[in-house]
Structure formats: C-alpha cells, structure tokens
C-alpha cells in the first residue's frame, strides 16, 4: 500500500494528480484534457485494475472525481464520487491483478449498471452487489455517482469459510435486514476508523467479514438441506475453541459431535476443504492478528499456534497471505504509523 501512496505523491509532484490528505485523491486541479486518463489510473490503483472510458461528450466538460481509501487491517474500504464513465475487466486487467479478491459495491447516490457472469444489475441508491476479481466484469455509470466498495482478499474470506459462497457475482438485496446491517455497519465504521486502536481495527475486520458472509446467505425456512451447514457451523465453533490444543483431528471432531468420522469428511467436502486446511487457515489468522497487534518474536507466535518451527510457519504464512510474517508485520506497522501521522479527510 505504501507503493501506491508514493506513486501518487510522485504524480502530484509532476502536477498530474492533486490533493492528497491521508489516502484521498482528487482530480480537482488536473488539466481537463488529462482527467479521463488520470481517472483510469486512479480507479485502477484503488479498485483493482480496470480499463476505463469517459464518454466523448464528457471529455470537454469539467469532469471531476475523487477517491478516499481507508484500511480495516487487510480489507480496503473505498469511497468515491465520479461522473458518467464505463469500465471493464478483461484478460489484461485480470492478469495485472495481484491476488484474488471479492468486492462489495454499494451505490450511495446516482445509478450504474454492473455485470458479471452473464448477469446484469441496474443499481440505484441502497443497492449492493458482490463481484469476483478473478472473472471478467464491466460497469457503466449513467449519472454522477457516489459509491462505496469493500475489497476483501480471498485469504481473509477463507478464515470464515466464505470462499464457496462467493464464486460468482451476487446481487445483494438492499432491503434485506442482513444487507442493511452490513451497509449500516460500514457507514459507522467509516467514521470511526481513524480513532480505533489496532486491536479495535482487528475486531472491526473480523466483524466485517462475518457480516459480509451473513449478507450472502439467503433467508428462508429451515429444511433438511440446512442440516449440513448447521453441523458445519457447530464444528467450526468447536475448532475455534480448540486451536490452542494439540492436533485438531476429524476423529476428535466426530467424538465431540457424536457423528462418524466419515460424516465429518462429508461436511467439509461440501466446500472442497479438509479439516486440516480449515485448522491451518484459522491458526494462521490468529497468528496474523498477533503479528499486527504486538511485538512478540515470530518464533513465539509460531509455537503458540502449533507450527513446528519458524521456517514452517513462515512458509505457510507467505503461501496464504502473500508476504512473510516479518514483511506482513512491517507493512502493518507502516500503515498504522501513516494513519496516525496523516489527517483523514
């Protein structure tokens, strides 16, 4: 994230992008002729790579846009306003994307069309959609728009078993209680983030993930098909309580829930996961929290969360989060220092 800020500071020095306070960018003083190309750059830096087009009839006008980005640990909360434009994510943009994400887009004012996987949604204020960064997508803004995006790394969703629920674009019912709870929570969190401690940010991150998964789940009466998910939820809560114990095995889970070991396997096979994978991801998540909230030696954290040694822990951590434990800690501390030293618009 530091690289992005430094790049925009460099662009500011060259007179191409102006007004940076914290992580806030505006095209307010960019020459009008440069604004369409700069808007594509700005949108791609803050919302993943997009190919963007500003309509010809808007190029000769005073086109304006701004973006504000805040971090909920490794989740990005991005607010922006812009004029009519269109964008797409095709093969080039997908290959330029570093990592896999699920994004929640919430329309706050104005209107736009969002399409993915053959489905298209016309979005008005209050509507929300979840889209997958690994698949082609497109949008078109029809009038001046204000929107909010929540960018969630797949590695974070794995911690709450959200991967299977977000394999394709999903239109969220803005009138449903669960979606309203998520959007209302993000409204409050956006205002409070600058004042939260690191432990508060970590708690807010976990709550955001749980609310997002809740918003994806359709309501309806309970029937026999819900028994598997309910049992899975009980098993995951049991795993969470026993992460500090020794081996958390399918046999131990089976005994605790009075089912066969084969039933345990079937419950986790629904999401193409094994018990070992789920336990490893949960332990990595706890270790990630300890890395960002404290200064304990990495070897101590690795031992606490049942990794055989620091080398094994470092390899598993980097495979999941894309950075070694020491690199992740440094990035987190740098982000926290920057947020404390810069005022937020």
Protein backbone atom coordinates (compact mmCIF):
# COMPACT_ATOMS: atom_id res chain seq x y z
CA UNK A 1 0.00 0.00 0.00
CA UNK A 2 2.92 2.35 0.64
CA UNK A 3 3.92 1.98 -3.01
CA UNK A 4 0.53 3.25 -4.15
CA UNK A 5 0.75 6.32 -1.93
CA UNK A 6 4.31 7.05 -3.05
CA UNK A 7 3.32 6.74 -6.71
CA UNK A 8 0.53 9.26 -6.29
CA UNK A 9 2.78 11.62 -4.37
CA UNK A 10 5.20 11.41 -7.31
CA UNK A 11 2.35 12.17 -9.69
CA UNK A 12 1.37 15.10 -7.50
CA UNK A 13 4.88 16.48 -7.79
CA UNK A 14 4.59 16.23 -11.57
CA UNK A 15 1.31 18.16 -11.47
CA UNK A 16 -0.87 15.28 -12.65
CA UNK A 17 -2.83 14.47 -9.50
CA UNK A 18 -3.60 16.80 -6.64
CA UNK A 19 -4.95 16.89 -3.12
CA UNK A 20 -3.61 14.02 -1.04
CA UNK A 21 -4.54 14.08 2.64
CA UNK A 22 -4.17 10.65 4.13
CA UNK A 23 -5.37 8.34 1.40
CA UNK A 24 -7.51 10.78 -0.52
CA UNK A 25 -7.08 11.57 -4.20
CA UNK A 26 -8.88 14.13 -6.37
CA UNK A 27 -8.74 15.25 -9.98
CA UNK A 28 -9.79 18.75 -8.98
CA UNK A 29 -6.77 20.61 -10.40
CA UNK A 30 -5.72 18.19 -13.12
CA UNK A 31 -5.93 19.76 -16.60
CA UNK A 32 -9.25 18.80 -18.15
CA UNK A 33 -7.61 17.10 -21.11
CA UNK A 34 -5.73 14.72 -18.75
CA UNK A 35 -8.63 13.83 -16.48
CA UNK A 36 -10.00 10.78 -18.37
CA UNK A 37 -6.62 9.01 -18.38
CA UNK A 38 -5.90 10.02 -14.80
CA UNK A 39 -9.29 8.72 -13.70
CA UNK A 40 -8.45 5.31 -15.17
CA UNK A 41 -5.13 5.33 -13.29
CA UNK A 42 -6.73 6.39 -10.03
CA UNK A 43 -9.61 3.91 -10.26
CA UNK A 44 -7.23 1.05 -11.08
CA UNK A 45 -4.90 1.88 -8.20
CA UNK A 46 -7.69 1.93 -5.65
CA UNK A 47 -10.30 -0.54 -7.01
CA UNK A 48 -8.10 -3.17 -8.79
CA UNK A 49 -7.15 -2.75 -12.49
CA UNK A 50 -9.89 -1.52 -14.83
CA UNK A 51 -9.98 -0.30 -18.41
CA UNK A 52 -11.98 2.94 -18.17
CA UNK A 53 -13.69 5.07 -20.79
CA UNK A 54 -15.13 8.56 -20.28
CA UNK A 55 -17.84 9.38 -22.87
CA UNK A 56 -16.69 11.82 -25.57
CA UNK A 57 -19.42 14.27 -24.69
CA UNK A 58 -17.98 14.47 -21.15
CA UNK A 59 -14.34 15.00 -22.17
CA UNK A 60 -14.82 18.70 -22.94
CA UNK A 61 -16.59 19.37 -19.67
CA UNK A 62 -15.30 19.85 -16.16
CA UNK A 63 -15.05 16.11 -15.39
CA UNK A 64 -14.28 15.52 -11.74
CA UNK A 65 -13.76 12.54 -9.44
CA UNK A 66 -12.26 11.72 -6.06
CA UNK A 67 -11.40 8.61 -4.07
CA UNK A 68 -10.90 8.09 -0.36
CA UNK A 69 -9.44 4.82 0.94
CA UNK A 70 -9.27 3.52 4.50
CA UNK A 71 -7.86 0.21 5.72
CA UNK A 72 -9.64 -2.25 8.01
CA UNK A 73 -6.40 -4.16 8.51
CA UNK A 74 -6.10 -6.03 5.20
CA UNK A 75 -9.58 -5.03 3.95
CA UNK A 76 -9.90 -1.83 1.92
CA UNK A 77 -12.90 0.47 2.38
CA UNK A 78 -13.02 2.80 -0.62
CA UNK A 79 -15.43 5.69 -1.16
CA UNK A 80 -15.57 7.62 -4.41
CA UNK A 81 -17.60 10.05 -6.46
CA UNK A 82 -17.34 10.35 -10.23
CA UNK A 83 -19.19 11.41 -13.35
CA UNK A 84 -20.50 9.15 -16.14
CA UNK A 85 -17.96 6.61 -17.34
CA UNK A 86 -17.67 2.93 -18.21
CA UNK A 87 -15.15 0.27 -17.33
CA UNK A 88 -14.30 -3.36 -17.90
CA UNK A 89 -12.03 -6.06 -16.52
CA UNK A 90 -10.86 -8.36 -19.27
CA UNK A 91 -7.90 -10.67 -19.75
CA UNK A 92 -5.28 -7.91 -19.42
CA UNK A 93 -6.78 -6.45 -16.25
CA UNK A 94 -7.23 -9.88 -14.66
CA UNK A 95 -3.59 -10.74 -15.30
CA UNK A 96 -2.48 -7.40 -13.83
CA UNK A 97 -4.38 -8.04 -10.58
CA UNK A 98 -2.13 -9.08 -7.72
CA UNK A 99 -4.06 -11.61 -5.64
CA UNK A 100 -7.70 -12.67 -5.52
CA UNK A 101 -10.46 -10.54 -4.06
CA UNK A 102 -14.19 -10.35 -3.55
CA UNK A 103 -15.52 -6.81 -3.75
CA UNK A 104 -18.78 -5.44 -2.38
CA UNK A 105 -20.08 -2.43 -4.29
CA UNK A 106 -22.72 -0.26 -2.60
CA UNK A 107 -24.44 2.52 -4.56
CA UNK A 108 -24.99 5.59 -2.36
CA UNK A 109 -26.37 8.06 -4.93
CA UNK A 110 -26.79 8.08 -8.69
CA UNK A 111 -27.06 4.92 -10.77
CA UNK A 112 -24.89 2.44 -12.63
CA UNK A 113 -25.03 -0.95 -14.30
CA UNK A 114 -22.76 -3.78 -13.10
CA UNK A 115 -22.40 -7.07 -14.98
CA UNK A 116 -20.54 -10.33 -14.37
CA UNK A 117 -21.02 -13.96 -15.46
CA UNK A 118 -23.85 -13.08 -17.84
CA UNK A 119 -25.91 -11.35 -15.14
CA UNK A 120 -26.50 -7.60 -15.19
CA UNK A 121 -27.83 -5.41 -12.37
CA UNK A 122 -29.10 -1.85 -12.65
CA UNK A 123 -28.15 -0.31 -9.31
CA UNK A 124 -29.88 2.55 -7.53
CA UNK A 125 -29.13 4.08 -4.11
CA UNK A 126 -29.07 1.38 -1.42
CA UNK A 127 -28.39 -1.48 -3.83
CA UNK A 128 -25.31 -3.67 -3.38
CA UNK A 129 -23.52 -6.30 -5.42
CA UNK A 130 -20.61 -8.66 -4.72
CA UNK A 131 -18.23 -9.39 -7.59
CA UNK A 132 -15.27 -11.70 -8.05
CA UNK A 133 -11.88 -10.29 -9.10
CA UNK A 134 -10.93 -13.48 -10.95
CA UNK A 135 -13.72 -13.20 -13.54
CA UNK A 136 -14.42 -10.62 -16.27
CA UNK A 137 -16.74 -7.79 -15.26
CA UNK A 138 -17.96 -4.45 -16.55
CA UNK A 139 -19.78 -1.36 -15.29
CA UNK A 140 -21.36 1.78 -16.66
CA UNK A 141 -22.10 4.92 -14.65
CA UNK A 142 -25.13 6.74 -16.05
CA UNK A 143 -25.16 9.90 -13.93
CA UNK A 144 -22.99 11.47 -11.20
CA UNK A 145 -22.37 8.61 -8.78
CA UNK A 146 -21.33 8.15 -5.17
CA UNK A 147 -20.40 4.61 -4.20
CA UNK A 148 -18.59 2.60 -1.56
CA UNK A 149 -16.51 -0.52 -2.21
CA UNK A 150 -15.23 -3.09 0.25
CA UNK A 151 -12.30 -5.11 -1.14
CA UNK A 152 -11.78 -8.40 0.67
CA UNK A 153 -8.79 -10.69 -0.03
CA UNK A 154 -9.74 -14.32 -0.60
CA UNK A 155 -7.29 -15.27 2.14
CA UNK A 156 -9.42 -13.30 4.61
CA UNK A 157 -12.64 -14.98 3.46
CA UNK A 158 -11.05 -18.37 3.99
CA UNK A 159 -10.98 -17.57 7.70
CA UNK A 160 -14.79 -17.54 7.80
CA UNK A 161 -15.36 -20.24 5.18
CA UNK A 162 -16.59 -17.70 2.67
CA UNK A 163 -14.84 -18.99 -0.46
CA UNK A 164 -17.62 -21.31 -1.59
CA UNK A 165 -20.27 -18.63 -1.12
CA UNK A 166 -18.59 -16.10 -3.41
CA UNK A 167 -17.57 -17.97 -6.54
CA UNK A 168 -19.65 -15.75 -8.86
CA UNK A 169 -21.18 -12.28 -8.89
CA UNK A 170 -24.03 -11.96 -6.40
CA UNK A 171 -26.67 -9.23 -6.31
CA UNK A 172 -27.46 -8.41 -2.69
CA UNK A 173 -30.98 -7.38 -1.73
CA UNK A 174 -30.52 -3.89 -0.32
CA UNK A 175 -33.80 -4.17 1.58
CA UNK A 176 -32.89 -7.36 3.45
CA UNK A 177 -32.02 -6.94 7.15
CA UNK A 178 -28.63 -8.64 6.75
CA UNK A 179 -27.55 -6.37 3.88
CA UNK A 180 -28.84 -3.28 5.67
CA UNK A 181 -26.88 -4.34 8.74
CA UNK A 182 -23.70 -4.64 6.67
CA UNK A 183 -24.12 -1.29 4.90
CA UNK A 184 -25.10 0.49 8.12
CA UNK A 185 -22.11 -1.01 9.90
CA UNK A 186 -19.77 0.18 7.15
CA UNK A 187 -21.26 3.69 7.44
CA UNK A 188 -20.44 3.79 11.15
CA UNK A 189 -17.07 2.13 10.72
CA UNK A 190 -16.01 4.61 8.05
CA UNK A 191 -16.48 7.45 10.54
CA UNK A 192 -14.82 5.66 13.46
CA UNK A 193 -11.82 4.01 11.79
CA UNK A 194 -9.40 6.92 12.26
CA UNK A 195 -9.90 6.74 16.04
CA UNK A 196 -9.71 2.97 16.51
CA UNK A 197 -6.74 1.27 18.15
CA UNK A 198 -5.00 -1.57 16.33
CA UNK A 199 -6.91 -4.12 18.40
CA UNK A 200 -10.12 -2.26 17.59
CA UNK A 201 -9.35 -2.37 13.88
CA UNK A 202 -8.68 -6.11 14.12
CA UNK A 203 -12.04 -6.67 15.82
CA UNK A 204 -13.77 -4.47 13.22
CA UNK A 205 -12.17 -6.51 10.44
CA UNK A 206 -13.48 -9.78 11.81
CA UNK A 207 -16.95 -8.33 12.33
CA UNK A 208 -16.94 -7.03 8.75
CA UNK A 209 -16.15 -10.49 7.40
CA UNK A 210 -18.91 -12.14 9.43
CA UNK A 211 -21.47 -9.52 8.38
CA UNK A 212 -20.50 -9.94 4.74
CA UNK A 213 -20.96 -13.70 4.87
CA UNK A 214 -24.29 -13.16 6.63
CA UNK A 215 -25.40 -10.81 3.84
CA UNK A 216 -24.68 -13.52 1.27
CA UNK A 217 -26.83 -16.15 2.96
CA UNK A 218 -30.39 -16.33 1.62
CA UNK A 219 -33.19 -16.32 4.16
CA UNK A 220 -35.92 -18.90 4.27
CA UNK A 221 -37.34 -21.78 6.28
CA UNK A 222 -35.07 -24.48 7.61
CA UNK A 223 -35.28 -27.82 5.82
CA UNK A 224 -33.21 -30.97 5.59
CA UNK A 225 -30.68 -29.32 3.28
CA UNK A 226 -29.66 -26.93 6.05
CA UNK A 227 -28.56 -29.67 8.43
CA UNK A 228 -25.12 -29.92 6.81
CA UNK A 229 -24.37 -26.18 7.07
CA UNK A 230 -25.66 -26.09 10.65
CA UNK A 231 -23.44 -29.01 11.61
CA UNK A 232 -20.52 -27.38 9.83
CA UNK A 233 -21.05 -24.18 11.81
CA UNK A 234 -21.05 -26.14 15.08
CA UNK A 235 -17.87 -27.94 14.08
CA UNK A 236 -16.14 -24.70 13.16
CA UNK A 237 -17.03 -23.16 16.52
CA UNK A 238 -15.57 -26.25 18.22
CA UNK A 239 -12.39 -25.92 16.13
CA UNK A 240 -12.10 -22.25 17.10
CA UNK A 241 -12.25 -23.15 20.81
CA UNK A 242 -9.57 -25.83 20.47
CA UNK A 243 -6.99 -24.14 18.25
CA UNK A 244 -4.53 -23.92 21.13
CA UNK A 245 -4.86 -27.63 21.83
CA UNK A 246 -2.76 -30.29 20.14
CA UNK A 247 -3.90 -31.94 16.94
CA UNK A 248 -7.45 -30.97 15.97
CA UNK A 249 -8.43 -34.10 14.06
CA UNK A 250 -11.54 -35.38 12.27
CA UNK A 251 -11.75 -38.13 14.91
CA UNK A 252 -11.82 -35.60 17.76
CA UNK A 253 -14.47 -33.55 15.97
CA UNK A 254 -16.56 -36.67 15.34
CA UNK A 255 -16.48 -37.65 19.03
CA UNK A 256 -17.37 -34.11 20.13
CA UNK A 257 -20.42 -34.03 17.84
CA UNK A 258 -21.50 -37.66 18.16
CA UNK A 259 -21.13 -38.41 14.45
CA UNK A 260 -18.91 -40.68 12.37
CA UNK A 261 -15.56 -39.60 11.02
CA UNK A 262 -16.97 -40.08 7.52
CA UNK A 263 -19.69 -37.54 8.33
CA UNK A 264 -17.03 -35.03 9.32
CA UNK A 265 -15.29 -35.59 5.97
CA UNK A 266 -18.55 -35.12 4.06
CA UNK A 267 -19.41 -31.90 5.89
CA UNK A 268 -16.09 -30.31 4.89
CA UNK A 269 -16.05 -31.78 1.39
CA UNK A 270 -19.06 -29.59 0.53
CA UNK A 271 -16.63 -26.65 0.25
CA UNK A 272 -13.76 -28.75 -1.17
CA UNK A 273 -11.82 -28.38 2.08
CA UNK A 274 -10.29 -30.73 4.60
CA UNK A 275 -10.31 -30.36 8.37
CA UNK A 276 -6.55 -29.84 8.26
CA UNK A 277 -6.88 -26.97 5.81
CA UNK A 278 -9.55 -25.25 7.90
CA UNK A 279 -7.49 -25.61 11.08
CA UNK A 280 -4.37 -24.30 9.36
CA UNK A 281 -6.19 -21.22 8.00
CA UNK A 282 -7.71 -20.45 11.40
CA UNK A 283 -4.33 -20.77 13.13
CA UNK A 284 -2.72 -18.56 10.51
CA UNK A 285 -5.45 -15.98 11.09
CA UNK A 286 -4.75 -15.96 14.83
CA UNK A 287 -1.04 -15.68 14.16
CA UNK A 288 -1.68 -12.78 11.74
CA UNK A 289 -3.60 -10.99 14.48
CA UNK A 290 -0.73 -11.47 16.95
CA UNK A 291 1.78 -10.19 14.40
CA UNK A 292 -0.15 -6.97 13.80
CA UNK A 293 -1.18 -6.26 17.39
CA UNK A 294 2.05 -6.96 19.27
CA UNK A 295 5.82 -7.22 19.10
CA UNK A 296 6.37 -10.81 20.24
CA UNK A 297 9.09 -12.75 18.42
CA UNK A 298 7.80 -14.55 15.35
CA UNK A 299 9.09 -17.84 16.76
CA UNK A 300 6.92 -17.39 19.87
CA UNK A 301 3.83 -16.79 17.76
CA UNK A 302 4.62 -19.79 15.56
CA UNK A 303 4.96 -22.06 18.60
CA UNK A 304 1.76 -20.77 20.20
CA UNK A 305 -0.30 -21.62 17.14
CA UNK A 306 1.14 -25.12 16.79
CA UNK A 307 3.52 -24.67 13.87
CA UNK A 308 6.50 -27.00 14.13
CA UNK A 309 9.09 -24.25 13.68
CA UNK A 310 9.55 -20.69 12.39
CA UNK A 311 10.51 -21.88 8.93
CA UNK A 312 7.36 -23.96 8.55
CA UNK A 313 5.26 -21.08 9.87
CA UNK A 314 6.89 -18.54 7.55
CA UNK A 315 6.36 -20.74 4.50
CA UNK A 316 2.69 -21.41 5.34
CA UNK A 317 2.05 -17.74 6.16
CA UNK A 318 3.58 -16.46 2.93
CA UNK A 319 1.69 -19.01 0.85
CA UNK A 320 -1.60 -17.81 2.36
CA UNK A 321 -1.09 -14.04 2.77
CA UNK A 322 1.47 -13.34 0.05
CA UNK A 323 4.12 -11.97 2.43
CA UNK A 324 6.38 -13.43 5.07
CA UNK A 325 5.47 -12.83 8.75
CA UNK A 326 8.19 -10.19 9.12
CA UNK A 327 7.14 -8.43 5.89
CA UNK A 328 3.48 -8.51 6.91
CA UNK A 329 4.27 -7.05 10.34
CA UNK A 330 6.38 -4.27 8.79
CA UNK A 331 3.62 -3.37 6.31
CA UNK A 332 1.01 -3.33 9.06
CA UNK A 333 3.14 -1.12 11.30
CA UNK A 334 3.91 1.24 8.42
CA UNK A 335 0.22 1.51 7.63
CA UNK A 336 -0.60 2.26 11.27
CA UNK A 337 2.15 4.89 11.50
CA UNK A 338 0.93 6.56 8.31
CA UNK A 339 -2.67 6.71 9.54
CA UNK A 340 -1.55 8.28 12.82
CA UNK A 341 0.66 10.89 11.13
CA UNK A 342 -1.73 11.93 8.35
CA UNK A 343 -5.08 13.61 8.84
CA UNK A 344 -8.01 11.86 7.16
CA UNK A 345 -10.41 13.82 5.04
